Amino acid sequence: MQKILEPDLSAHAIGSFLDNGHSDLSIDDVRARLEALLEGAGSQKALAADLRVSPPYISQILNGERRPTRIVLNALGLRENKTVTYTYREKR
């Protein structure tokens, strides 16, 4: 199995990223990181095998058809940050 590109998770790299005002990433940023990981793997098939997901799943994330799961986010050195809000429901 081919070794995939490891994200730079050093304190310096993360600190530099946060110092540049990037505390939250958009889905486009996540896709860009996945594309960089894909380049290191050489093909969608190789990346999918390394992550133990299907090649179509990688393609669907890159095409914006699906959101990345924890497996993919972990490989990118990321986690999903969800915000919960509450609202009044309509009276019946």
PDB file of N, CA and C in Angstrom:
ATOM      1  N   MET A   1       0.842  -1.169   0.000  1.00  0.00           N
ATOM      2  CA  MET A   1       0.000   0.000   0.000  1.00  0.00           C
ATOM      3  C   MET A   1       0.895   1.243   0.000  1.00  0.00           C
ATOM      4  N   GLN A   2       0.597   2.186  -0.861  1.00  0.00           N
ATOM      5  CA  GLN A   2       1.370   3.412  -0.984  1.00  0.00           C
ATOM      6  C   GLN A   2       1.105   4.344   0.204  1.00  0.00           C
ATOM      7  N   LYS A   3       2.149   4.964   0.725  1.00  0.00           N
ATOM      8  CA  LYS A   3       2.011   5.902   1.852  1.00  0.00           C
ATOM      9  C   LYS A   3       1.438   7.219   1.342  1.00  0.00           C
ATOM     10  N   ILE A   4       0.375   7.691   1.993  1.00  0.00           N
ATOM     11  CA  ILE A   4      -0.244   8.948   1.571  1.00  0.00           C
ATOM     12  C   ILE A   4       0.441  10.122   2.260  1.00  0.00           C
ATOM     13  N   LEU A   5       0.280  11.293   1.699  1.00  0.00           N
ATOM     14  CA  LEU A   5       0.849  12.510   2.246  1.00  0.00           C
ATOM     15  C   LEU A   5       0.248  12.794   3.611  1.00  0.00           C
ATOM     16  N   GLU A   6       1.097  13.016   4.576  1.00  0.00           N
ATOM     17  CA  GLU A   6       0.645  13.338   5.932  1.00  0.00           C
ATOM     18  C   GLU A   6       0.471  14.849   6.046  1.00  0.00           C
ATOM     19  N   PRO A   7      -0.626  15.321   6.633  1.00  0.00           N
ATOM     20  CA  PRO A   7      -0.761  16.759   6.848  1.00  0.00           C
ATOM     21  C   PRO A   7       0.252  17.233   7.878  1.00  0.00           C
ATOM     22  N   ASP A   8       0.708  18.470   7.750  1.00  0.00           N
ATOM     23  CA  ASP A   8       1.659  19.045   8.698  1.00  0.00           C
ATOM     24  C   ASP A   8       0.894  19.496   9.933  1.00  0.00           C
ATOM     25  N   LEU A   9       0.987  18.714  10.999  1.00  0.00           N
ATOM     26  CA  LEU A   9       0.255  19.009  12.222  1.00  0.00           C
ATOM     27  C   LEU A   9       1.162  19.550  13.313  1.00  0.00           C
ATOM     28  N   SER A  10       2.354  20.002  12.918  1.00  0.00           N
ATOM     29  CA  SER A  10       3.263  20.542  13.924  1.00  0.00           C
ATOM     30  C   SER A  10       2.668  21.793  14.542  1.00  0.00           C
ATOM     31  N   ALA A  11       3.079  22.077  15.761  1.00  0.00           N
ATOM     32  CA  ALA A  11       2.564  23.263  16.458  1.00  0.00           C
ATOM     33  C   ALA A  11       2.861  24.521  15.660  1.00  0.00           C
ATOM     34  N   HIS A  12       4.032  24.571  15.024  1.00  0.00           N
ATOM     35  CA  HIS A  12       4.398  25.744  14.230  1.00  0.00           C
ATOM     36  C   HIS A  12       3.448  25.916  13.042  1.00  0.00           C
ATOM     37  N   ALA A  13       3.168  24.834  12.327  1.00  0.00           N
ATOM     38  CA  ALA A  13       2.283  24.917  11.160  1.00  0.00           C
ATOM     39  C   ALA A  13       0.876  25.319  11.571  1.00  0.00           C
ATOM     40  N   ILE A  14       0.376  24.719  12.640  1.00  0.00           N
ATOM     41  CA  ILE A  14      -0.973  25.045  13.105  1.00  0.00           C
ATOM     42  C   ILE A  14      -1.013  26.477  13.626  1.00  0.00           C
ATOM     43  N   GLY A  15       0.016  26.869  14.380  1.00  0.00           N
ATOM     44  CA  GLY A  15       0.077  28.236  14.893  1.00  0.00           C
ATOM     45  C   GLY A  15       0.106  29.252  13.764  1.00  0.00           C
ATOM     46  N   SER A  16       0.891  28.982  12.730  1.00  0.00           N
ATOM     47  CA  SER A  16       0.955  29.892  11.583  1.00  0.00           C
ATOM     48  C   SER A  16      -0.396  29.982  10.904  1.00  0.00           C
ATOM     49  N   PHE A  17      -1.069  28.854  10.785  1.00  0.00           N
ATOM     50  CA  PHE A  17      -2.379  28.823  10.144  1.00  0.00           C
ATOM     51  C   PHE A  17      -3.370  29.672  10.942  1.00  0.00           C
ATOM     52  N   LEU A  18      -3.382  29.503  12.264  1.00  0.00           N
ATOM     53  CA  LEU A  18      -4.310  30.255  13.099  1.00  0.00           C
ATOM     54  C   LEU A  18      -3.931  31.730  13.169  1.00  0.00           C
ATOM     55  N   ASP A  19      -2.617  32.041  13.159  1.00  0.00           N
ATOM     56  CA  ASP A  19      -2.174  33.434  13.204  1.00  0.00           C
ATOM     57  C   ASP A  19      -2.622  34.207  11.973  1.00  0.00           C
ATOM     58  N   ASN A  20      -2.854  33.509  10.882  1.00  0.00           N
ATOM     59  CA  ASN A  20      -3.297  34.164   9.648  1.00  0.00           C
ATOM     60  C   ASN A  20      -4.807  34.344   9.616  1.00  0.00           C
ATOM     61  N   GLY A  21      -5.470  34.164  10.750  1.00  0.00           N
ATOM     62  CA  GLY A  21      -6.907  34.399  10.827  1.00  0.00           C
ATOM     63  C   GLY A  21      -7.745  33.236  10.355  1.00  0.00           C
ATOM     64  N   HIS A  22      -7.150  32.048  10.266  1.00  0.00           N
ATOM     65  CA  HIS A  22      -7.879  30.886   9.760  1.00  0.00           C
ATOM     66  C   HIS A  22      -8.211  29.934  10.902  1.00  0.00           C
ATOM     67  N   SER A  23      -9.243  30.239  11.653  1.00  0.00           N
ATOM     68  CA  SER A  23      -9.611  29.329  12.725  1.00  0.00           C
ATOM     69  C   SER A  23     -10.669  28.333  12.249  1.00  0.00           C
ATOM     70  N   ASP A  24     -11.493  28.743  11.308  1.00  0.00           N
ATOM     71  CA  ASP A  24     -12.512  27.864  10.742  1.00  0.00           C
ATOM     72  C   ASP A  24     -12.260  27.707   9.257  1.00  0.00           C
ATOM     73  N   LEU A  25     -12.465  26.507   8.769  1.00  0.00           N
ATOM     74  CA  LEU A  25     -12.272  26.222   7.350  1.00  0.00           C
ATOM     75  C   LEU A  25     -13.624  26.048   6.672  1.00  0.00           C
ATOM     76  N   SER A  26     -13.712  26.480   5.450  1.00  0.00           N
ATOM     77  CA  SER A  26     -14.915  26.232   4.664  1.00  0.00           C
ATOM     78  C   SER A  26     -14.817  24.830   4.067  1.00  0.00           C
ATOM     79  N   ILE A  27     -15.903  24.356   3.534  1.00  0.00           N
ATOM     80  CA  ILE A  27     -15.885  23.045   2.870  1.00  0.00           C
ATOM     81  C   ILE A  27     -14.948  23.079   1.666  1.00  0.00           C
ATOM     82  N   ASP A  28     -14.812  24.249   1.030  1.00  0.00           N
ATOM     83  CA  ASP A  28     -13.861  24.374  -0.083  1.00  0.00           C
ATOM     84  C   ASP A  28     -12.428  24.213   0.394  1.00  0.00           C
ATOM     85  N   ASP A  29     -12.119  24.737   1.590  1.00  0.00           N
ATOM     86  CA  ASP A  29     -10.786  24.555   2.171  1.00  0.00           C
ATOM     87  C   ASP A  29     -10.521  23.081   2.454  1.00  0.00           C
ATOM     88  N   VAL A  30     -11.534  22.399   2.954  1.00  0.00           N
ATOM     89  CA  VAL A  30     -11.399  20.971   3.249  1.00  0.00           C
ATOM     90  C   VAL A  30     -11.157  20.201   1.954  1.00  0.00           C
ATOM     91  N   ARG A  31     -11.902  20.541   0.910  1.00  0.00           N
ATOM     92  CA  ARG A  31     -11.697  19.868  -0.385  1.00  0.00           C
ATOM     93  C   ARG A  31     -10.287  20.124  -0.935  1.00  0.00           C
ATOM     94  N   ALA A  32      -9.792  21.336  -0.751  1.00  0.00           N
ATOM     95  CA  ALA A  32      -8.437  21.654  -1.208  1.00  0.00           C
ATOM     96  C   ALA A  32      -7.409  20.807  -0.462  1.00  0.00           C
ATOM     97  N   ARG A  33      -7.614  20.622   0.832  1.00  0.00           N
ATOM     98  CA  ARG A  33      -6.705  19.764   1.609  1.00  0.00           C
ATOM     99  C   ARG A  33      -6.802  18.317   1.143  1.00  0.00           C
ATOM    100  N   LEU A  34      -8.025  17.869   0.813  1.00  0.00           N
ATOM    101  CA  LEU A  34      -8.197  16.505   0.310  1.00  0.00           C
ATOM    102  C   LEU A  34      -7.505  16.345  -1.041  1.00  0.00           C
ATOM    103  N   GLU A  35      -7.585  17.363  -1.886  1.00  0.00           N
ATOM    104  CA  GLU A  35      -6.900  17.311  -3.183  1.00  0.00           C
ATOM    105  C   GLU A  35      -5.390  17.208  -2.997  1.00  0.00           C
ATOM    106  N   ALA A  36      -4.837  17.915  -2.014  1.00  0.00           N
ATOM    107  CA  ALA A  36      -3.404  17.822  -1.733  1.00  0.00           C
ATOM    108  C   ALA A  36      -3.039  16.419  -1.256  1.00  0.00           C
ATOM    109  N   LEU A  37      -3.888  15.836  -0.437  1.00  0.00           N
ATOM    110  CA  LEU A  37      -3.669  14.468   0.023  1.00  0.00           C
ATOM    111  C   LEU A  37      -3.748  13.494  -1.150  1.00  0.00           C
ATOM    112  N   LEU A  38      -4.679  13.754  -2.047  1.00  0.00           N
ATOM    113  CA  LEU A  38      -4.843  12.934  -3.245  1.00  0.00           C
ATOM    114  C   LEU A  38      -3.586  12.970  -4.115  1.00  0.00           C
ATOM    115  N   GLU A  39      -2.998  14.146  -4.268  1.00  0.00           N
ATOM    116  CA  GLU A  39      -1.765  14.253  -5.047  1.00  0.00           C
ATOM    117  C   GLU A  39      -0.670  13.381  -4.462  1.00  0.00           C
ATOM    118  N   GLY A  40      -0.573  13.355  -3.144  1.00  0.00           N
ATOM    119  CA  GLY A  40       0.438  12.528  -2.487  1.00  0.00           C
ATOM    120  C   GLY A  40       0.188  11.042  -2.657  1.00  0.00           C
ATOM    121  N   ALA A  41      -1.093  10.672  -2.732  1.00  0.00           N
ATOM    122  CA  ALA A  41      -1.446   9.259  -2.895  1.00  0.00           C
ATOM    123  C   ALA A  41      -1.280   8.798  -4.337  1.00  0.00           C
ATOM    124  N   GLY A  42      -1.428   9.715  -5.279  1.00  0.00           N
ATOM    125  CA  GLY A  42      -1.247   9.364  -6.687  1.00  0.00           C
ATOM    126  C   GLY A  42      -2.523   9.095  -7.457  1.00  0.00           C
ATOM    127  N   SER A  43      -3.554   8.602  -6.790  1.00  0.00           N
ATOM    128  CA  SER A  43      -4.832   8.336  -7.466  1.00  0.00           C
ATOM    129  C   SER A  43      -5.945   8.251  -6.426  1.00  0.00           C
ATOM    130  N   GLN A  44      -7.176   8.436  -6.891  1.00  0.00           N
ATOM    131  CA  GLN A  44      -8.315   8.302  -5.986  1.00  0.00           C
ATOM    132  C   GLN A  44      -8.407   6.883  -5.448  1.00  0.00           C
ATOM    133  N   LYS A  45      -8.073   5.922  -6.288  1.00  0.00           N
ATOM    134  CA  LYS A  45      -8.131   4.527  -5.858  1.00  0.00           C
ATOM    135  C   LYS A  45      -7.137   4.269  -4.723  1.00  0.00           C
ATOM    136  N   ALA A  46      -5.910   4.783  -4.856  1.00  0.00           N
ATOM    137  CA  ALA A  46      -4.890   4.584  -3.819  1.00  0.00           C
ATOM    138  C   ALA A  46      -5.284   5.305  -2.529  1.00  0.00           C
ATOM    139  N   LEU A  47      -5.781   6.540  -2.664  1.00  0.00           N
ATOM    140  CA  LEU A  47      -6.194   7.293  -1.478  1.00  0.00           C
ATOM    141  C   LEU A  47      -7.345   6.595  -0.771  1.00  0.00           C
ATOM    142  N   ALA A  48      -8.315   6.144  -1.548  1.00  0.00           N
ATOM    143  CA  ALA A  48      -9.464   5.447  -0.970  1.00  0.00           C
ATOM    144  C   ALA A  48      -9.017   4.179  -0.233  1.00  0.00           C
ATOM    145  N   ALA A  49      -8.076   3.449  -0.816  1.00  0.00           N
ATOM    146  CA  ALA A  49      -7.577   2.235  -0.164  1.00  0.00           C
ATOM    147  C   ALA A  49      -6.879   2.582   1.154  1.00  0.00           C
ATOM    148  N   ASP A  50      -6.081   3.645   1.145  1.00  0.00           N
ATOM    149  CA  ASP A  50      -5.380   4.055   2.365  1.00  0.00           C
ATOM    150  C   ASP A  50      -6.354   4.481   3.457  1.00  0.00           C
ATOM    151  N   LEU A  51      -7.449   5.129   3.067  1.00  0.00           N
ATOM    152  CA  LEU A  51      -8.433   5.605   4.038  1.00  0.00           C
ATOM    153  C   LEU A  51      -9.510   4.576   4.350  1.00  0.00           C
ATOM    154  N   ARG A  52      -9.496   3.482   3.595  1.00  0.00           N
ATOM    155  CA  ARG A  52     -10.500   2.419   3.730  1.00  0.00           C
ATOM    156  C   ARG A  52     -11.915   2.927   3.440  1.00  0.00           C
ATOM    157  N   VAL A  53     -12.006   3.710   2.359  1.00  0.00           N
ATOM    158  CA  VAL A  53     -13.295   4.164   1.832  1.00  0.00           C
ATOM    159  C   VAL A  53     -13.309   3.832   0.352  1.00  0.00           C
ATOM    160  N   SER A  54     -14.429   4.046  -0.303  1.00  0.00           N
ATOM    161  CA  SER A  54     -14.514   3.722  -1.723  1.00  0.00           C
ATOM    162  C   SER A  54     -14.014   4.883  -2.582  1.00  0.00           C
ATOM    163  N   PRO A  55     -13.448   4.566  -3.759  1.00  0.00           N
ATOM    164  CA  PRO A  55     -13.035   5.635  -4.672  1.00  0.00           C
ATOM    165  C   PRO A  55     -14.193   6.565  -5.064  1.00  0.00           C
ATOM    166  N   PRO A  56     -15.415   6.041  -5.298  1.00  0.00           N
ATOM    167  CA  PRO A  56     -16.510   6.967  -5.606  1.00  0.00           C
ATOM    168  C   PRO A  56     -16.801   7.949  -4.461  1.00  0.00           C
ATOM    169  N   TYR A  57     -16.589   7.518  -3.233  1.00  0.00           N
ATOM    170  CA  TYR A  57     -16.818   8.401  -2.093  1.00  0.00           C
ATOM    171  C   TYR A  57     -15.842   9.586  -2.134  1.00  0.00           C
ATOM    172  N   ILE A  58     -14.574   9.315  -2.421  1.00  0.00           N
ATOM    173  CA  ILE A  58     -13.580  10.384  -2.555  1.00  0.00           C
ATOM    174  C   ILE A  58     -14.018  11.348  -3.656  1.00  0.00           C
ATOM    175  N   SER A  59     -14.444  10.798  -4.771  1.00  0.00           N
ATOM    176  CA  SER A  59     -14.908  11.619  -5.897  1.00  0.00           C
ATOM    177  C   SER A  59     -16.111  12.476  -5.505  1.00  0.00           C
ATOM    178  N   GLN A  60     -17.039  11.890  -4.783  1.00  0.00           N
ATOM    179  CA  GLN A  60     -18.241  12.622  -4.372  1.00  0.00           C
ATOM    180  C   GLN A  60     -17.903  13.774  -3.432  1.00  0.00           C
ATOM    181  N   ILE A  61     -16.943  13.586  -2.550  1.00  0.00           N
ATOM    182  CA  ILE A  61     -16.514  14.682  -1.669  1.00  0.00           C
ATOM    183  C   ILE A  61     -15.895  15.795  -2.510  1.00  0.00           C
ATOM    184  N   LEU A  62     -14.999  15.421  -3.408  1.00  0.00           N
ATOM    185  CA  LEU A  62     -14.321  16.418  -4.233  1.00  0.00           C
ATOM    186  C   LEU A  62     -15.286  17.177  -5.137  1.00  0.00           C
ATOM    187  N   ASN A  63     -16.366  16.520  -5.557  1.00  0.00           N
ATOM    188  CA  ASN A  63     -17.355  17.155  -6.431  1.00  0.00           C
ATOM    189  C   ASN A  63     -18.462  17.872  -5.667  1.00  0.00           C
ATOM    190  N   GLY A  64     -18.387  17.865  -4.343  1.00  0.00           N
ATOM    191  CA  GLY A  64     -19.375  18.563  -3.540  1.00  0.00           C
ATOM    192  C   GLY A  64     -20.696  17.838  -3.388  1.00  0.00           C
ATOM    193  N   GLU A  65     -20.718  16.543  -3.706  1.00  0.00           N
ATOM    194  CA  GLU A  65     -21.946  15.759  -3.607  1.00  0.00           C
ATOM    195  C   GLU A  65     -22.150  15.158  -2.226  1.00  0.00           C
ATOM    196  N   ARG A  66     -21.059  15.025  -1.456  1.00  0.00           N
ATOM    197  CA  ARG A  66     -21.131  14.483  -0.095  1.00  0.00           C
ATOM    198  C   ARG A  66     -20.174  15.237   0.793  1.00  0.00           C
ATOM    199  N   ARG A  67     -20.455  15.212   2.076  1.00  0.00           N
ATOM    200  CA  ARG A  67     -19.562  15.830   3.055  1.00  0.00           C
ATOM    201  C   ARG A  67     -18.592  14.769   3.566  1.00  0.00           C
ATOM    202  N   PRO A  68     -17.390  15.175   3.943  1.00  0.00           N
ATOM    203  CA  PRO A  68     -16.429  14.199   4.462  1.00  0.00           C
ATOM    204  C   PRO A  68     -16.836  13.678   5.837  1.00  0.00           C
ATOM    205  N   THR A  69     -16.602  12.405   6.047  1.00  0.00           N
ATOM    206  CA  THR A  69     -16.879  11.784   7.342  1.00  0.00           C
ATOM    207  C   THR A  69     -15.652  11.920   8.241  1.00  0.00           C
ATOM    208  N   ARG A  70     -15.786  11.440   9.453  1.00  0.00           N
ATOM    209  CA  ARG A  70     -14.706  11.511  10.429  1.00  0.00           C
ATOM    210  C   ARG A  70     -13.429  10.844   9.911  1.00  0.00           C
ATOM    211  N   ILE A  71     -13.548   9.757   9.186  1.00  0.00           N
ATOM    212  CA  ILE A  71     -12.366   9.056   8.659  1.00  0.00           C
ATOM    213  C   ILE A  71     -11.542   9.987   7.783  1.00  0.00           C
ATOM    214  N   VAL A  72     -12.208  10.677   6.875  1.00  0.00           N
ATOM    215  CA  VAL A  72     -11.514  11.581   5.952  1.00  0.00           C
ATOM    216  C   VAL A  72     -10.993  12.803   6.709  1.00  0.00           C
ATOM    217  N   LEU A  73     -11.804  13.361   7.589  1.00  0.00           N
ATOM    218  CA  LEU A  73     -11.368  14.525   8.351  1.00  0.00           C
ATOM    219  C   LEU A  73     -10.151  14.196   9.211  1.00  0.00           C
ATOM    220  N   ASN A  74     -10.131  13.020   9.829  1.00  0.00           N
ATOM    221  CA  ASN A  74      -8.979  12.606  10.631  1.00  0.00           C
ATOM    222  C   ASN A  74      -7.721  12.540   9.783  1.00  0.00           C
ATOM    223  N   ALA A  75      -7.837  12.034   8.565  1.00  0.00           N
ATOM    224  CA  ALA A  75      -6.686  11.938   7.664  1.00  0.00           C
ATOM    225  C   ALA A  75      -6.157  13.322   7.296  1.00  0.00           C
ATOM    226  N   LEU A  76      -7.036  14.322   7.329  1.00  0.00           N
ATOM    227  CA  LEU A  76      -6.654  15.694   7.004  1.00  0.00           C
ATOM    228  C   LEU A  76      -6.218  16.483   8.244  1.00  0.00           C
ATOM    229  N   GLY A  77      -6.265  15.835   9.403  1.00  0.00           N
ATOM    230  CA  GLY A  77      -5.918  16.517  10.636  1.00  0.00           C
ATOM    231  C   GLY A  77      -6.991  17.498  11.084  1.00  0.00           C
ATOM    232  N   LEU A  78      -8.237  17.207  10.717  1.00  0.00           N
ATOM    233  CA  LEU A  78      -9.356  18.096  11.022  1.00  0.00           C
ATOM    234  C   LEU A  78     -10.430  17.366  11.810  1.00  0.00           C
ATOM    235  N   ARG A  79     -11.344  18.143  12.349  1.00  0.00           N
ATOM    236  CA  ARG A  79     -12.555  17.592  12.951  1.00  0.00           C
ATOM    237  C   ARG A  79     -13.695  18.536  12.600  1.00  0.00           C
ATOM    238  N   GLU A  80     -14.892  18.007  12.584  1.00  0.00           N
ATOM    239  CA  GLU A  80     -16.057  18.826  12.279  1.00  0.00           C
ATOM    240  C   GLU A  80     -16.496  19.563  13.534  1.00  0.00           C
ATOM    241  N   ASN A  81     -16.759  20.834  13.382  1.00  0.00           N
ATOM    242  CA  ASN A  81     -17.219  21.659  14.486  1.00  0.00           C
ATOM    243  C   ASN A  81     -18.657  22.059  14.177  1.00  0.00           C
ATOM    244  N   LYS A  82     -19.582  21.515  14.928  1.00  0.00           N
ATOM    245  CA  LYS A  82     -20.995  21.786  14.682  1.00  0.00           C
ATOM    246  C   LYS A  82     -21.516  22.820  15.662  1.00  0.00           C
ATOM    247  N   THR A  83     -22.350  23.704  15.156  1.00  0.00           N
ATOM    248  CA  THR A  83     -23.006  24.700  15.989  1.00  0.00           C
ATOM    249  C   THR A  83     -24.483  24.355  16.055  1.00  0.00           C
ATOM    250  N   VAL A  84     -25.005  24.306  17.254  1.00  0.00           N
ATOM    251  CA  VAL A  84     -26.417  23.997  17.441  1.00  0.00           C
ATOM    252  C   VAL A  84     -27.135  25.283  17.811  1.00  0.00           C
ATOM    253  N   THR A  85     -28.246  25.536  17.157  1.00  0.00           N
ATOM    254  CA  THR A  85     -29.074  26.699  17.503  1.00  0.00           C
ATOM    255  C   THR A  85     -30.484  26.204  17.756  1.00  0.00           C
ATOM    256  N   TYR A  86     -31.236  27.002  18.503  1.00  0.00           N
ATOM    257  CA  TYR A  86     -32.609  26.659  18.830  1.00  0.00           C
ATOM    258  C   TYR A  86     -33.507  27.783  18.362  1.00  0.00           C
ATOM    259  N   THR A  87     -34.727  27.415  17.995  1.00  0.00           N
ATOM    260  CA  THR A  87     -35.705  28.401  17.559  1.00  0.00           C
ATOM    261  C   THR A  87     -37.083  27.992  18.069  1.00  0.00           C
ATOM    262  N   TYR A  88     -37.997  28.946  18.083  1.00  0.00           N
ATOM    263  CA  TYR A  88     -39.353  28.637  18.485  1.00  0.00           C
ATOM    264  C   TYR A  88     -40.037  27.846  17.390  1.00  0.00           C
ATOM    265  N   ARG A  89     -40.830  26.911  17.786  1.00  0.00           N
ATOM    266  CA  ARG A  89     -41.600  26.171  16.796  1.00  0.00           C
ATOM    267  C   ARG A  89     -42.922  26.903  16.580  1.00  0.00           C
ATOM    268  N   GLU A  90     -43.505  26.655  15.454  1.00  0.00           N
ATOM    269  CA  GLU A  90     -44.775  27.314  15.142  1.00  0.00           C
ATOM    270  C   GLU A  90     -45.889  26.753  15.999  1.00  0.00           C
ATOM    271  N   LYS A  91     -46.798  27.644  16.400  1.00  0.00           N
ATOM    272  CA  LYS A  91     -47.968  27.172  17.153  1.00  0.00           C
ATOM    273  C   LYS A  91     -48.924  26.503  16.198  1.00  0.00           C
ATOM    274  N   ARG A  92     -49.556  25.500  16.697  1.00  0.00           N
ATOM    275  CA  ARG A  92     -50.509  24.762  15.847  1.00  0.00           C
ATOM    276  C   ARG A  92     -51.892  25.287  16.005  1.00  0.00           C
TER     277      ARG A  92
END
